[in-house]
Amino acid sequence: MTTATPTRPDRAARPVRLNWRVRLRRDRSLILMTLPAVVLLLVFNYVPLFGLVTAFQEYDPLAGIWYSTWAGLDQFQRLFGDALFWNAVQNTLYLSFVQLVLFFPVPIALALLLNSVLSQRVRNFIQSVVYLPHFFSWVLAITIFQQMLGGAGALNHFLRNNDIGTWDVMTNPDTFALLVSAQVIWKEAGWGIIVFLAALAAVNTDLYEAAAADGAGRWRRLWHITLPGLRGVIVLMLVLRLGNALTVGFEQFLIQRDAVGYDTADVLDTFSFYYGIATGDYSYGAAAGLFKSVISLLLIWGANKLAHAFGEDGLYRR
């Protein structure tokens, strides 16, 4: 009597590692499609980094980078001793905080509201309407606000007709932070919902059906299914937002600076322009820009570490 020998299960086949030439030939169409974007990124984002050396020079445009006088940290000593610079830093941080509190939740709320609209036609119409202001220039956006809230705008026209005192919001330094936040919300909130709508589309609809069958109402489904599904994206967008905390805008403040005064509207970007480029003191402006870049890098690193501490991926997985 013969006994059958037990057969060993086949080992899982290892994935075949393709040669780089094979991968290049396979992906050449995708590489060609991304090449223009990579070239633009290199030309406009990485090549200009070599110009940061001007922050350590007394830069002379006629002499160029190679022959300008080396100044070491003199520009930074001037910068840190300048009261106007610290005023710009204070304005930047304050405006960034106000916009973070007022603007950041709005795209999330809009995405949740749009996701609850059943009619696809109505949803597409609303999306088109809220996307549109993103494509307006800041000149046009501020002009619209001027026509509505300015001294001769619709609001004051209504107040005059009803014998109520006028209120020029566009030139009031006390409400400037709320004004620019309202402008950002009107212009960019609709565009900001795109990433949240994409995240909502990835939430498994079976979870909603199971929760509804268990008697969960709309708010419980929102709290226990929708928001946890958005948590990773919310943390990622918050990390990116904190990394750009010192970049509150340039055109928006440049246009409105004279209306409310430099002590209210000057931020780091306008400071670099007015006291660096406009005056021909390029090294001073470069020092201010380098300070902003270093602090932004530290902010995004710290925010990413904080996201990892709470168990989220942040910008990358650990």
Protein backbone atom coordinates (compact mmCIF):
# COMPACT_ATOMS: atom_id res chain seq x y z
CA MET A 1 0.00 0.00 0.00
CA THR A 2 1.51 3.26 -1.08
CA THR A 3 1.02 6.48 0.80
CA ALA A 4 0.70 9.75 -1.01
CA THR A 5 3.42 12.22 -0.22
CA PRO A 6 2.06 15.53 0.98
CA THR A 7 2.48 18.31 -1.53
CA ARG A 8 3.95 21.62 -0.43
CA PRO A 9 1.94 24.69 -1.30
CA ASP A 10 3.49 26.81 -4.02
CA ARG A 11 5.19 29.88 -2.81
CA ALA A 12 3.63 33.17 -3.79
CA ALA A 13 5.13 34.34 -6.99
CA ARG A 14 7.38 37.32 -6.49
CA PRO A 15 6.59 40.37 -8.60
CA VAL A 16 8.91 40.72 -11.53
CA ARG A 17 11.04 43.86 -11.29
CA LEU A 18 11.13 45.54 -14.66
CA ASN A 19 14.27 47.05 -16.09
CA TRP A 20 14.31 50.89 -16.06
CA ARG A 21 14.45 50.91 -19.86
CA VAL A 22 11.27 48.82 -19.99
CA ARG A 23 9.54 51.12 -17.51
CA LEU A 24 10.68 54.18 -19.47
CA ARG A 25 9.33 52.73 -22.71
CA ARG A 26 6.08 51.75 -20.99
CA ASP A 27 5.49 55.14 -19.33
CA ARG A 28 6.92 57.43 -22.00
CA SER A 29 3.50 58.93 -22.80
CA LEU A 30 2.88 59.85 -19.15
CA ILE A 31 6.39 61.24 -18.81
CA LEU A 32 5.93 63.44 -21.89
CA MET A 33 2.62 64.70 -20.48
CA THR A 34 4.20 65.71 -17.16
CA LEU A 35 7.39 67.13 -18.67
CA PRO A 36 6.02 70.69 -19.29
CA ALA A 37 4.78 70.89 -15.68
CA VAL A 38 8.16 69.69 -14.37
CA VAL A 39 9.99 72.25 -16.52
CA LEU A 40 7.74 75.07 -15.26
CA LEU A 41 8.28 73.92 -11.67
CA LEU A 42 12.05 73.92 -12.11
CA VAL A 43 12.19 77.28 -13.89
CA PHE A 44 9.84 79.24 -11.63
CA ASN A 45 10.25 77.47 -8.25
CA TYR A 46 13.72 75.97 -8.01
CA VAL A 47 16.01 78.04 -10.24
CA PRO A 48 15.06 81.30 -8.41
CA LEU A 49 16.27 79.74 -5.14
CA PHE A 50 19.82 80.60 -6.22
CA GLY A 51 18.82 84.27 -5.94
CA LEU A 52 18.48 83.92 -2.15
CA VAL A 53 22.19 84.68 -1.95
CA THR A 54 21.26 88.34 -2.49
CA ALA A 55 19.86 88.40 1.07
CA PHE A 56 23.49 88.17 2.24
CA GLN A 57 24.81 90.85 -0.12
CA GLU A 58 24.55 94.53 -0.90
CA TYR A 59 23.06 93.53 -4.22
CA ASP A 60 23.72 95.81 -7.17
CA PRO A 61 21.73 94.96 -10.34
CA LEU A 62 24.49 96.43 -12.51
CA ALA A 63 27.23 94.37 -10.87
CA GLY A 64 25.15 91.20 -10.63
CA ILE A 65 25.24 88.44 -8.05
CA TRP A 66 28.85 87.47 -8.69
CA TYR A 67 30.31 90.95 -8.16
CA SER A 68 28.02 92.44 -5.51
CA THR A 69 29.50 93.19 -2.09
CA TRP A 70 29.12 90.46 0.52
CA ALA A 71 27.24 91.75 3.59
CA GLY A 72 26.78 88.62 5.70
CA LEU A 73 23.92 88.99 8.17
CA ASP A 74 23.74 92.79 7.97
CA GLN A 75 20.40 92.74 6.13
CA PHE A 76 18.85 90.56 8.82
CA GLN A 77 20.13 92.84 11.56
CA ARG A 78 18.44 95.77 9.81
CA LEU A 79 15.31 93.69 9.35
CA PHE A 80 14.96 92.62 12.97
CA GLY A 81 15.52 96.17 14.13
CA ASP A 82 12.86 97.64 11.84
CA ALA A 83 9.55 98.45 13.57
CA LEU A 84 7.75 98.41 10.20
CA PHE A 85 8.85 94.81 9.65
CA TRP A 86 7.48 93.65 12.99
CA ASN A 87 4.26 95.52 12.26
CA ALA A 88 3.98 93.55 9.01
CA VAL A 89 4.66 90.28 10.88
CA GLN A 90 1.99 91.12 13.43
CA ASN A 91 -0.55 91.98 10.72
CA THR A 92 0.28 88.79 8.82
CA LEU A 93 -0.19 86.52 11.83
CA TYR A 94 -3.41 88.26 12.90
CA LEU A 95 -4.97 88.18 9.43
CA SER A 96 -3.88 84.57 8.95
CA PHE A 97 -5.52 83.56 12.23
CA VAL A 98 -8.77 85.37 11.37
CA GLN A 99 -8.88 83.76 7.92
CA LEU A 100 -8.12 80.33 9.39
CA VAL A 101 -11.03 80.62 11.83
CA LEU A 102 -13.52 82.16 9.39
CA PHE A 103 -12.51 80.69 6.02
CA PHE A 104 -11.29 77.14 6.70
CA PRO A 105 -14.64 75.66 7.86
CA VAL A 106 -16.63 77.21 4.99
CA PRO A 107 -15.52 74.86 2.16
CA ILE A 108 -16.15 71.87 4.43
CA ALA A 109 -19.68 73.08 5.23
CA LEU A 110 -20.39 73.84 1.55
CA ALA A 111 -19.19 70.37 0.52
CA LEU A 112 -21.43 68.73 3.14
CA LEU A 113 -24.43 70.77 1.97
CA LEU A 114 -23.78 70.01 -1.70
CA ASN A 115 -23.33 66.34 -0.94
CA SER A 116 -26.81 66.27 0.63
CA VAL A 117 -28.44 67.64 -2.54
CA LEU A 118 -30.12 64.72 -4.29
CA SER A 119 -30.67 66.28 -7.71
CA GLN A 120 -27.50 66.03 -9.82
CA ARG A 121 -28.65 68.90 -12.03
CA VAL A 122 -29.16 71.24 -9.06
CA ARG A 123 -25.82 70.17 -7.60
CA ASN A 124 -23.99 70.91 -10.85
CA PHE A 125 -25.64 74.33 -11.09
CA ILE A 126 -24.67 75.27 -7.52
CA GLN A 127 -21.11 74.05 -8.07
CA SER A 128 -20.77 76.19 -11.19
CA VAL A 129 -22.06 79.26 -9.36
CA VAL A 130 -19.72 78.90 -6.36
CA TYR A 131 -16.70 78.03 -8.56
CA LEU A 132 -17.06 81.15 -10.70
CA PRO A 133 -15.59 83.81 -8.35
CA HIS A 134 -12.30 81.89 -8.20
CA PHE A 135 -11.63 82.91 -11.80
CA PHE A 136 -12.13 86.62 -11.10
CA SER A 137 -9.03 88.73 -10.57
CA TRP A 138 -8.58 90.44 -7.23
CA VAL A 139 -9.09 93.79 -8.95
CA LEU A 140 -12.55 92.73 -10.10
CA ALA A 141 -13.41 91.08 -6.75
CA ILE A 142 -12.47 94.19 -4.75
CA THR A 143 -14.32 96.40 -7.24
CA ILE A 144 -17.49 94.37 -6.61
CA PHE A 145 -17.06 94.81 -2.85
CA GLN A 146 -16.43 98.52 -3.39
CA GLN A 147 -19.67 98.86 -5.34
CA MET A 148 -21.54 97.05 -2.57
CA LEU A 149 -19.88 98.29 0.63
CA GLY A 150 -17.95 101.43 -0.35
CA GLY A 151 -18.82 105.02 0.46
CA ALA A 152 -20.99 105.34 -2.66
CA GLY A 153 -21.98 101.68 -2.69
CA ALA A 154 -25.34 99.96 -2.47
CA LEU A 155 -25.22 99.59 1.31
CA ASN A 156 -24.62 103.27 2.00
CA HIS A 157 -27.14 104.26 -0.67
CA PHE A 158 -29.76 102.24 1.20
CA LEU A 159 -28.71 103.74 4.56
CA ARG A 160 -28.95 107.30 3.20
CA ASN A 161 -32.38 106.72 1.72
CA ASN A 162 -33.60 105.54 5.11
CA ASP A 163 -31.95 108.41 7.05
CA ILE A 164 -29.43 106.10 8.73
CA GLY A 165 -25.80 107.09 9.17
CA THR A 166 -23.43 105.81 6.47
CA TRP A 167 -20.74 103.23 7.11
CA ASP A 168 -17.81 102.90 4.71
CA VAL A 169 -16.55 99.38 5.35
CA MET A 170 -13.85 99.61 2.67
CA THR A 171 -11.84 102.30 4.48
CA ASN A 172 -12.39 101.26 8.10
CA PRO A 173 -9.16 99.85 9.65
CA ASP A 174 -11.10 98.31 12.55
CA THR A 175 -13.05 95.96 10.27
CA PHE A 176 -10.30 95.35 7.71
CA ALA A 177 -9.57 91.78 8.91
CA LEU A 178 -13.24 90.85 8.59
CA LEU A 179 -13.43 92.55 5.20
CA VAL A 180 -10.50 90.66 3.65
CA SER A 181 -11.76 87.40 5.17
CA ALA A 182 -15.18 87.98 3.60
CA GLN A 183 -13.48 88.66 0.26
CA VAL A 184 -11.48 85.43 0.50
CA ILE A 185 -14.59 83.43 1.44
CA TRP A 186 -16.58 84.86 -1.47
CA LYS A 187 -13.78 84.30 -3.98
CA GLU A 188 -12.15 81.02 -2.90
CA ALA A 189 -14.58 79.01 -0.74
CA GLY A 190 -16.33 77.49 -3.76
CA TRP A 191 -13.05 76.40 -5.32
CA GLY A 192 -11.94 74.94 -2.00
CA ILE A 193 -14.79 72.43 -1.89
CA ILE A 194 -13.38 70.36 -4.76
CA VAL A 195 -11.03 68.27 -2.63
CA PHE A 196 -13.70 67.73 0.05
CA LEU A 197 -16.27 66.62 -2.54
CA ALA A 198 -13.73 64.13 -3.87
CA ALA A 199 -13.20 62.79 -0.35
CA LEU A 200 -16.96 62.51 0.20
CA ALA A 201 -17.30 60.54 -3.04
CA ALA A 202 -14.87 57.96 -1.61
CA VAL A 203 -17.00 57.28 1.49
CA ASN A 204 -18.70 53.88 1.23
CA THR A 205 -22.45 54.42 0.76
CA ASP A 206 -23.16 51.03 2.35
CA LEU A 207 -22.20 52.58 5.67
CA TYR A 208 -25.02 55.13 5.35
CA GLU A 209 -27.52 52.42 4.47
CA ALA A 210 -26.46 50.25 7.40
CA ALA A 211 -26.61 53.20 9.81
CA ALA A 212 -30.05 54.21 8.52
CA ALA A 213 -31.26 50.64 8.99
CA ASP A 214 -30.05 50.78 12.59
CA GLY A 215 -32.09 53.92 13.17
CA ALA A 216 -29.33 56.54 12.91
CA GLY A 217 -30.65 59.94 11.88
CA ARG A 218 -29.03 62.40 9.49
CA TRP A 219 -26.94 64.11 12.17
CA ARG A 220 -25.67 60.83 13.61
CA ARG A 221 -24.68 59.65 10.12
CA LEU A 222 -22.91 62.96 9.58
CA TRP A 223 -21.04 62.73 12.88
CA HIS A 224 -20.11 59.03 12.80
CA ILE A 225 -19.61 58.39 9.06
CA THR A 226 -19.16 61.56 6.99
CA LEU A 227 -16.83 63.54 9.25
CA PRO A 228 -14.56 60.55 10.04
CA GLY A 229 -14.35 59.95 6.28
CA LEU A 230 -13.21 63.55 5.82
CA ARG A 231 -10.82 63.63 8.78
CA GLY A 232 -7.68 62.72 6.87
CA VAL A 233 -8.33 65.30 4.15
CA ILE A 234 -9.23 67.97 6.72
CA VAL A 235 -5.96 67.36 8.57
CA LEU A 236 -3.99 67.48 5.30
CA MET A 237 -5.59 70.76 4.23
CA LEU A 238 -5.03 72.20 7.71
CA VAL A 239 -1.34 71.29 7.56
CA LEU A 240 -1.02 72.98 4.16
CA ARG A 241 -2.95 75.98 5.44
CA LEU A 242 -0.63 76.37 8.42
CA GLY A 243 2.36 76.05 6.12
CA ASN A 244 1.00 79.03 4.16
CA ALA A 245 0.08 80.99 7.28
CA LEU A 246 2.49 83.79 6.34
CA THR A 247 1.14 83.97 2.79
CA VAL A 248 -2.17 85.74 3.25
CA GLY A 249 -2.11 87.38 -0.17
CA PHE A 250 -0.32 90.08 -2.14
CA GLU A 251 -2.64 91.64 -4.73
CA GLN A 252 -5.56 91.81 -2.31
CA PHE A 253 -3.57 93.87 0.21
CA LEU A 254 -1.62 95.85 -2.38
CA ILE A 255 -4.87 97.18 -3.87
CA GLN A 256 -6.42 98.12 -0.52
CA ARG A 257 -3.29 99.35 1.29
CA ASP A 258 -3.85 103.05 0.59
CA ALA A 259 -7.51 102.86 1.62
CA VAL A 260 -6.87 101.69 5.21
CA GLY A 261 -3.23 102.64 5.72
CA TYR A 262 0.04 100.74 5.74
CA ASP A 263 -0.08 100.12 9.50
CA THR A 264 -3.21 97.99 9.01
CA ALA A 265 -2.74 96.45 5.55
CA ASP A 266 1.01 95.81 5.36
CA VAL A 267 1.83 92.09 5.40
CA LEU A 268 5.15 90.37 4.72
CA ASP A 269 4.58 90.20 0.96
CA THR A 270 3.72 93.89 0.60
CA PHE A 271 6.56 94.80 2.99
CA SER A 272 9.06 93.00 0.73
CA PHE A 273 7.64 94.81 -2.28
CA TYR A 274 7.42 98.35 -0.88
CA TYR A 275 10.62 98.40 1.16
CA GLY A 276 12.64 96.10 -1.07
CA ILE A 277 11.76 96.15 -4.75
CA ALA A 278 10.05 99.55 -4.92
CA THR A 279 12.97 101.30 -3.23
CA GLY A 280 15.66 99.36 -5.12
CA ASP A 281 16.89 97.76 -1.86
CA TYR A 282 16.69 94.25 -3.29
CA SER A 283 18.81 92.59 -0.62
CA TYR A 284 16.53 93.91 2.12
CA GLY A 285 13.45 92.56 0.36
CA ALA A 286 15.19 89.21 -0.22
CA ALA A 287 16.04 88.99 3.50
CA ALA A 288 12.38 89.54 4.40
CA GLY A 289 11.33 86.90 1.87
CA LEU A 290 13.89 84.40 3.18
CA PHE A 291 12.69 84.97 6.75
CA LYS A 292 9.12 84.25 5.66
CA SER A 293 10.17 81.07 3.81
CA VAL A 294 12.11 79.65 6.76
CA ILE A 295 9.27 80.31 9.22
CA SER A 296 6.75 78.78 6.77
CA LEU A 297 8.92 75.67 6.46
CA LEU A 298 9.07 75.34 10.26
CA LEU A 299 5.29 75.82 10.52
CA ILE A 300 4.49 73.11 7.97
CA TRP A 301 7.02 70.75 9.59
CA GLY A 302 5.51 71.34 13.04
CA ALA A 303 1.93 70.96 11.76
CA ASN A 304 2.87 67.72 10.04
CA LYS A 305 4.47 66.36 13.23
CA LEU A 306 1.33 67.31 15.13
CA ALA A 307 -0.80 65.43 12.58
CA HIS A 308 1.37 62.33 13.06
CA ALA A 309 0.99 62.66 16.84
CA PHE A 310 -2.80 62.44 16.41
CA GLY A 311 -2.50 59.37 14.19
CA GLU A 312 -3.04 61.06 10.81
CA ASP A 313 -0.85 60.87 7.72
CA GLY A 314 -0.40 64.61 7.19
CA LEU A 315 1.68 65.33 4.11
CA TYR A 316 3.20 61.86 4.06
CA ARG A 317 2.93 58.55 5.87
CA ARG A 318 5.47 57.74 8.53
